[in-house]
C-alpha atoms as a PDB file:
ATOM      1  CA  UNK A   1     203.987  69.264 106.595  1.00  0.00           C
ATOM      2  CA  UNK A   2     200.573  70.599 105.697  1.00  0.00           C
ATOM      3  CA  UNK A   3     199.363  70.010 102.165  1.00  0.00           C
ATOM      4  CA  UNK A   4     197.586  73.362 102.120  1.00  0.00           C
ATOM      5  CA  UNK A   5     199.706  75.759 100.071  1.00  0.00           C
ATOM      6  CA  UNK A   6     199.208  79.492 100.580  1.00  0.00           C
ATOM      7  CA  UNK A   7     200.363  82.319  98.328  1.00  0.00           C
ATOM      8  CA  UNK A   8     201.007  85.610 100.144  1.00  0.00           C
ATOM      9  CA  UNK A   9     200.505  88.787  98.097  1.00  0.00           C
ATOM     10  CA  UNK A  10     201.858  91.697 100.145  1.00  0.00           C
ATOM     11  CA  UNK A  11     204.031  94.610  98.988  1.00  0.00           C
ATOM     12  CA  UNK A  12     205.778  95.161 102.343  1.00  0.00           C
ATOM     13  CA  UNK A  13     208.563  92.543 102.649  1.00  0.00           C
ATOM     14  CA  UNK A  14     208.786  92.658 106.454  1.00  0.00           C
ATOM     15  CA  UNK A  15     205.023  92.251 106.797  1.00  0.00           C
ATOM     16  CA  UNK A  16     204.988  89.462 104.211  1.00  0.00           C
ATOM     17  CA  UNK A  17     207.692  87.489 105.983  1.00  0.00           C
ATOM     18  CA  UNK A  18     205.938  87.968 109.336  1.00  0.00           C
ATOM     19  CA  UNK A  19     202.756  86.530 107.780  1.00  0.00           C
ATOM     20  CA  UNK A  20     204.765  83.636 106.343  1.00  0.00           C
ATOM     21  CA  UNK A  21     206.310  82.854 109.725  1.00  0.00           C
ATOM     22  CA  UNK A  22     202.868  82.850 111.331  1.00  0.00           C
ATOM     23  CA  UNK A  23     201.476  80.510 108.668  1.00  0.00           C
ATOM     24  CA  UNK A  24     204.364  78.080 109.009  1.00  0.00           C
ATOM     25  CA  UNK A  25     203.884  78.165 112.780  1.00  0.00           C
ATOM     26  CA  UNK A  26     200.286  76.967 112.385  1.00  0.00           C
ATOM     27  CA  UNK A  27     201.276  74.210 109.933  1.00  0.00           C
ATOM     28  CA  UNK A  28     200.476  75.726 106.554  1.00  0.00           C
ATOM     29  CA  UNK A  29     202.894  75.663 103.617  1.00  0.00           C
ATOM     30  CA  UNK A  30     203.866  78.994 102.008  1.00  0.00           C
ATOM     31  CA  UNK A  31     204.306  78.388  98.279  1.00  0.00           C
ATOM     32  CA  UNK A  32     205.286  81.948  97.413  1.00  0.00           C
ATOM     33  CA  UNK A  33     205.547  85.556  98.558  1.00  0.00           C
ATOM     34  CA  UNK A  34     204.645  88.107  95.895  1.00  0.00           C
ATOM     35  CA  UNK A  35     205.367  91.804  96.355  1.00  0.00           C
ATOM     36  CA  UNK A  36     203.842  92.750  92.989  1.00  0.00           C
ATOM     37  CA  UNK A  37     200.878  91.739  90.853  1.00  0.00           C
ATOM     38  CA  UNK A  38     203.137  90.356  88.120  1.00  0.00           C
ATOM     39  CA  UNK A  39     204.938  88.119  90.633  1.00  0.00           C
ATOM     40  CA  UNK A  40     201.607  86.993  92.060  1.00  0.00           C
ATOM     41  CA  UNK A  41     200.436  85.958  88.576  1.00  0.00           C
ATOM     42  CA  UNK A  42     203.717  84.078  88.076  1.00  0.00           C
ATOM     43  CA  UNK A  43     203.223  82.121  91.316  1.00  0.00           C
ATOM     44  CA  UNK A  44     199.579  81.442  90.471  1.00  0.00           C
ATOM     45  CA  UNK A  45     200.688  79.877  87.195  1.00  0.00           C
ATOM     46  CA  UNK A  46     203.663  77.917  88.513  1.00  0.00           C
ATOM     47  CA  UNK A  47     203.087  77.045  92.176  1.00  0.00           C
ATOM     48  CA  UNK A  48     199.372  76.198  92.127  1.00  0.00           C
ATOM     49  CA  UNK A  49     198.396  77.561  95.573  1.00  0.00           C
ATOM     50  CA  UNK A  50     195.300  76.269  97.332  1.00  0.00           C
ATOM     51  CA  UNK A  51     194.384  79.684  98.728  1.00  0.00           C
ATOM     52  CA  UNK A  52     195.689  83.256  98.456  1.00  0.00           C
ATOM     53  CA  UNK A  53     196.189  85.821 101.231  1.00  0.00           C
ATOM     54  CA  UNK A  54     195.816  89.123  99.452  1.00  0.00           C
ATOM     55  CA  UNK A  55     196.611  92.690 100.471  1.00  0.00           C
ATOM     56  CA  UNK A  56     194.601  95.467  98.823  1.00  0.00           C
ATOM     57  CA  UNK A  57     197.204  98.220  98.543  1.00  0.00           C
ATOM     58  CA  UNK A  58     199.996  96.748  96.411  1.00  0.00           C
ATOM     59  CA  UNK A  59     201.626 100.044  95.434  1.00  0.00           C
ATOM     60  CA  UNK A  60     200.757  99.599  91.755  1.00  0.00           C
ATOM     61  CA  UNK A  61     198.035 100.647  89.349  1.00  0.00           C
ATOM     62  CA  UNK A  62     196.475  97.201  89.741  1.00  0.00           C
ATOM     63  CA  UNK A  63     195.406  96.818  93.351  1.00  0.00           C
ATOM     64  CA  UNK A  64     194.508  93.680  95.242  1.00  0.00           C
ATOM     65  CA  UNK A  65     190.822  93.989  94.439  1.00  0.00           C
ATOM     66  CA  UNK A  66     191.460  93.939  90.702  1.00  0.00           C
ATOM     67  CA  UNK A  67     193.833  91.015  91.179  1.00  0.00           C
ATOM     68  CA  UNK A  68     191.111  89.239  93.159  1.00  0.00           C
ATOM     69  CA  UNK A  69     188.834  89.395  90.106  1.00  0.00           C
ATOM     70  CA  UNK A  70     191.540  87.678  88.070  1.00  0.00           C
ATOM     71  CA  UNK A  71     192.035  84.995  90.720  1.00  0.00           C
ATOM     72  CA  UNK A  72     188.324  84.263  90.839  1.00  0.00           C
ATOM     73  CA  UNK A  73     187.701  84.285  87.086  1.00  0.00           C
ATOM     74  CA  UNK A  74     190.885  82.640  85.779  1.00  0.00           C
ATOM     75  CA  UNK A  75     192.293  80.492  88.581  1.00  0.00           C
ATOM     76  CA  UNK A  76     189.133  79.508  90.468  1.00  0.00           C
ATOM     77  CA  UNK A  77     190.773  79.248  93.883  1.00  0.00           C
ATOM     78  CA  UNK A  78     189.716  80.877  97.159  1.00  0.00           C
ATOM     79  CA  UNK A  79     191.285  84.074  98.448  1.00  0.00           C
ATOM     80  CA  UNK A  80     191.156  86.069 101.669  1.00  0.00           C
ATOM     81  CA  UNK A  81     191.884  89.773 101.932  1.00  0.00           C
ATOM     82  CA  UNK A  82     194.422  90.624 104.634  1.00  0.00           C
ATOM     83  CA  UNK A  83     194.626  94.388 104.714  1.00  0.00           C
ATOM     84  CA  UNK A  84     194.693  97.577 106.773  1.00  0.00           C
ATOM     85  CA  UNK A  85     191.706  98.997 104.905  1.00  0.00           C
ATOM     86  CA  UNK A  86     188.233  98.718 106.398  1.00  0.00           C
ATOM     87  CA  UNK A  87     186.482 101.831 105.072  1.00  0.00           C
ATOM     88  CA  UNK A  88     183.046 101.540 103.489  1.00  0.00           C
ATOM     89  CA  UNK A  89     184.204 102.266  99.935  1.00  0.00           C
ATOM     90  CA  UNK A  90     186.937  99.606 100.009  1.00  0.00           C
ATOM     91  CA  UNK A  91     184.616  97.036 101.574  1.00  0.00           C
ATOM     92  CA  UNK A  92     181.998  97.747  98.917  1.00  0.00           C
ATOM     93  CA  UNK A  93     184.532  97.099  96.152  1.00  0.00           C
ATOM     94  CA  UNK A  94     185.997  94.058  97.880  1.00  0.00           C
ATOM     95  CA  UNK A  95     182.753  92.228  98.521  1.00  0.00           C
ATOM     96  CA  UNK A  96     181.911  92.172  94.799  1.00  0.00           C
ATOM     97  CA  UNK A  97     184.955  89.937  94.222  1.00  0.00           C
ATOM     98  CA  UNK A  98     183.366  87.308  96.509  1.00  0.00           C
ATOM     99  CA  UNK A  99     186.284  86.709  98.896  1.00  0.00           C
ATOM    100  CA  UNK A 100     186.183  83.776 101.282  1.00  0.00           C
ATOM    101  CA  UNK A 101     187.232  86.107 104.097  1.00  0.00           C
ATOM    102  CA  UNK A 102     188.328  89.637 105.011  1.00  0.00           C
ATOM    103  CA  UNK A 103     190.864  90.071 107.812  1.00  0.00           C
ATOM    104  CA  UNK A 104     191.926  93.501 109.047  1.00  0.00           C
ATOM    105  CA  UNK A 105     195.469  94.161 110.262  1.00  0.00           C
ATOM    106  CA  UNK A 106     196.694  93.901 112.928  1.00  0.00           C
ATOM    107  CA  UNK A 107     195.588  90.289 113.260  1.00  0.00           C
ATOM    108  CA  UNK A 108     196.530  87.521 115.654  1.00  0.00           C
ATOM    109  CA  UNK A 109     197.402  83.896 114.972  1.00  0.00           C
ATOM    110  CA  UNK A 110     194.032  82.549 116.100  1.00  0.00           C
ATOM    111  CA  UNK A 111     192.122  84.941 113.842  1.00  0.00           C
ATOM    112  CA  UNK A 112     194.273  84.020 110.855  1.00  0.00           C
ATOM    113  CA  UNK A 113     193.901  80.281 111.468  1.00  0.00           C
ATOM    114  CA  UNK A 114     190.130  80.502 111.966  1.00  0.00           C
ATOM    115  CA  UNK A 115     189.679  82.687 108.870  1.00  0.00           C
ATOM    116  CA  UNK A 116     191.658  80.305 106.652  1.00  0.00           C
ATOM    117  CA  UNK A 117     189.915  77.183 107.940  1.00  0.00           C
ATOM    118  CA  UNK A 118     186.453  78.697 107.429  1.00  0.00           C
ATOM    119  CA  UNK A 119     187.464  79.988 103.989  1.00  0.00           C
ATOM    120  CA  UNK A 120     188.676  76.570 102.844  1.00  0.00           C
ATOM    121  CA  UNK A 121     185.588  74.872 104.239  1.00  0.00           C
ATOM    122  CA  UNK A 122     183.168  77.315 102.603  1.00  0.00           C
ATOM    123  CA  UNK A 123     184.961  77.114  99.271  1.00  0.00           C
ATOM    124  CA  UNK A 124     184.790  73.330  99.428  1.00  0.00           C
ATOM    125  CA  UNK A 125     181.022  73.513  99.902  1.00  0.00           C
ATOM    126  CA  UNK A 126     180.704  75.636  96.767  1.00  0.00           C
ATOM    127  CA  UNK A 127     182.332  72.920  94.679  1.00  0.00           C
ATOM    128  CA  UNK A 128     179.511  70.444  95.210  1.00  0.00           C
ATOM    129  CA  UNK A 129     179.535  66.662  95.375  1.00  0.00           C
ATOM    130  CA  UNK A 130     182.329  64.940  93.498  1.00  0.00           C
ATOM    131  CA  UNK A 131     181.473  62.721  90.513  1.00  0.00           C
ATOM    132  CA  UNK A 132     184.294  60.149  90.778  1.00  0.00           C
ATOM    133  CA  UNK A 133     183.772  56.685  92.278  1.00  0.00           C
ATOM    134  CA  UNK A 134     185.814  54.554  94.633  1.00  0.00           C
ATOM    135  CA  UNK A 135     187.625  52.678  91.862  1.00  0.00           C
ATOM    136  CA  UNK A 136     188.631  55.925  90.196  1.00  0.00           C
ATOM    137  CA  UNK A 137     189.744  57.467  93.476  1.00  0.00           C
ATOM    138  CA  UNK A 138     191.829  54.421  94.426  1.00  0.00           C
ATOM    139  CA  UNK A 139     193.311  53.903  90.958  1.00  0.00           C
ATOM    140  CA  UNK A 140     196.717  55.453  91.662  1.00  0.00           C
ATOM    141  CA  UNK A 141     196.857  55.062  95.443  1.00  0.00           C
ATOM    142  CA  UNK A 142     199.044  52.649  97.376  1.00  0.00           C
ATOM    143  CA  UNK A 143     196.880  52.904 100.503  1.00  0.00           C
ATOM    144  CA  UNK A 144     193.460  52.250  99.021  1.00  0.00           C
ATOM    145  CA  UNK A 145     190.272  53.296 100.806  1.00  0.00           C
ATOM    146  CA  UNK A 146     187.624  50.791 101.772  1.00  0.00           C
ATOM    147  CA  UNK A 147     184.046  51.444 100.594  1.00  0.00           C
ATOM    148  CA  UNK A 148     183.097  52.651 104.096  1.00  0.00           C
ATOM    149  CA  UNK A 149     186.110  54.989 104.325  1.00  0.00           C
ATOM    150  CA  UNK A 150     185.197  56.383 100.920  1.00  0.00           C
ATOM    151  CA  UNK A 151     181.642  57.088 102.106  1.00  0.00           C
ATOM    152  CA  UNK A 152     182.965  58.766 105.250  1.00  0.00           C
ATOM    153  CA  UNK A 153     185.356  60.866 103.148  1.00  0.00           C
ATOM    154  CA  UNK A 154     182.529  62.103 100.918  1.00  0.00           C
ATOM    155  CA  UNK A 155     180.378  62.947 103.942  1.00  0.00           C
ATOM    156  CA  UNK A 156     183.259  64.837 105.561  1.00  0.00           C
ATOM    157  CA  UNK A 157     183.756  66.762 102.328  1.00  0.00           C
ATOM    158  CA  UNK A 158     180.099  67.718 102.354  1.00  0.00           C
ATOM    159  CA  UNK A 159     180.444  69.099 105.882  1.00  0.00           C
ATOM    160  CA  UNK A 160     178.990  66.363 108.098  1.00  0.00           C
ATOM    161  CA  UNK A 161     179.872  66.545 111.776  1.00  0.00           C
ATOM    162  CA  UNK A 162     181.002  63.454 113.682  1.00  0.00           C
ATOM    163  CA  UNK A 163     177.548  63.136 115.246  1.00  0.00           C
ATOM    164  CA  UNK A 164     175.874  63.387 111.854  1.00  0.00           C
ATOM    165  CA  UNK A 165     178.172  60.602 110.633  1.00  0.00           C
ATOM    166  CA  UNK A 166     177.058  58.459 113.594  1.00  0.00           C
ATOM    167  CA  UNK A 167     173.404  59.009 112.746  1.00  0.00           C
ATOM    168  CA  UNK A 168     173.805  58.503 109.003  1.00  0.00           C
ATOM    169  CA  UNK A 169     175.904  55.321 109.196  1.00  0.00           C
ATOM    170  CA  UNK A 170     174.374  53.881 112.398  1.00  0.00           C
ATOM    171  CA  UNK A 171     177.739  53.596 114.120  1.00  0.00           C
ATOM    172  CA  UNK A 172     179.178  54.826 117.406  1.00  0.00           C
ATOM    173  CA  UNK A 173     181.232  57.969 117.857  1.00  0.00           C
ATOM    174  CA  UNK A 174     184.330  55.879 118.588  1.00  0.00           C
ATOM    175  CA  UNK A 175     183.832  53.977 115.327  1.00  0.00           C
ATOM    176  CA  UNK A 176     183.485  57.271 113.438  1.00  0.00           C
ATOM    177  CA  UNK A 177     186.720  58.514 114.981  1.00  0.00           C
ATOM    178  CA  UNK A 178     188.464  55.277 114.026  1.00  0.00           C
ATOM    179  CA  UNK A 179     187.290  55.572 110.408  1.00  0.00           C
ATOM    180  CA  UNK A 180     188.468  59.189 110.267  1.00  0.00           C
ATOM    181  CA  UNK A 181     191.874  58.287 111.721  1.00  0.00           C
ATOM    182  CA  UNK A 182     192.360  55.511 109.146  1.00  0.00           C
ATOM    183  CA  UNK A 183     191.196  57.861 106.407  1.00  0.00           C
ATOM    184  CA  UNK A 184     193.623  60.608 107.432  1.00  0.00           C
ATOM    185  CA  UNK A 185     196.492  58.110 107.737  1.00  0.00           C
ATOM    186  CA  UNK A 186     195.858  56.623 104.294  1.00  0.00           C
ATOM    187  CA  UNK A 187     195.521  60.016 102.603  1.00  0.00           C
ATOM    188  CA  UNK A 188     198.370  61.634 104.599  1.00  0.00           C
ATOM    189  CA  UNK A 189     196.227  64.561 105.757  1.00  0.00           C
ATOM    190  CA  UNK A 190     195.839  66.058 109.210  1.00  0.00           C
ATOM    191  CA  UNK A 191     192.573  67.987 109.052  1.00  0.00           C
ATOM    192  CA  UNK A 192     189.263  68.333 107.239  1.00  0.00           C
ATOM    193  CA  UNK A 193     190.624  71.326 105.351  1.00  0.00           C
ATOM    194  CA  UNK A 194     193.523  69.288 103.994  1.00  0.00           C
ATOM    195  CA  UNK A 195     191.054  66.554 103.081  1.00  0.00           C
ATOM    196  CA  UNK A 196     188.933  69.041 101.119  1.00  0.00           C
ATOM    197  CA  UNK A 197     191.979  70.223  99.185  1.00  0.00           C
ATOM    198  CA  UNK A 198     192.946  66.651  98.315  1.00  0.00           C
ATOM    199  CA  UNK A 199     189.415  65.671  97.254  1.00  0.00           C
ATOM    200  CA  UNK A 200     189.037  68.798  95.112  1.00  0.00           C
ATOM    201  CA  UNK A 201     192.334  68.071  93.350  1.00  0.00           C
ATOM    202  CA  UNK A 202     191.187  64.502  92.673  1.00  0.00           C
ATOM    203  CA  UNK A 203     188.298  65.592  90.463  1.00  0.00           C
END
């Protein structure tokens, strides 16, 4: 199962469960469905999501845009708006919360997947280079990384492509792919996005 945990904040239960089914179908984990702001805050405190899918109209005095400010300032995790609203006034308010994405309903599976992957990648880039070293990273791991795997992991986190890894480490593309496979196997991740989540949590 994916290590990327998503909190859905959506006041329409049928819509929320449809979103959840789509996420599970593309190998994300749904760590909560919140129909209200208070429930969303509860899940943010208890379930520690990696990213939030956030509707704007939540049927309460506090809308999704105000909740987004709280997520950014207090929880410091990425969020993506998933909403029916695309008017100029709403977009103007929304962009000041600095979302990692804005998806307009109706959406399709490919759009949702692409939006989430880009959001997680971009948020990872904002976090900067990690300060821990190999010994610290390996301290509590059964499957310890080699120095080369650790270097590859850091370069992946910083957004290097496979070709850039070849050029930087003076190795072939097949060798890069082998290092990445070993890295993913040892860390029990399946994608660069999952790797970014794991590295960020290891700070």
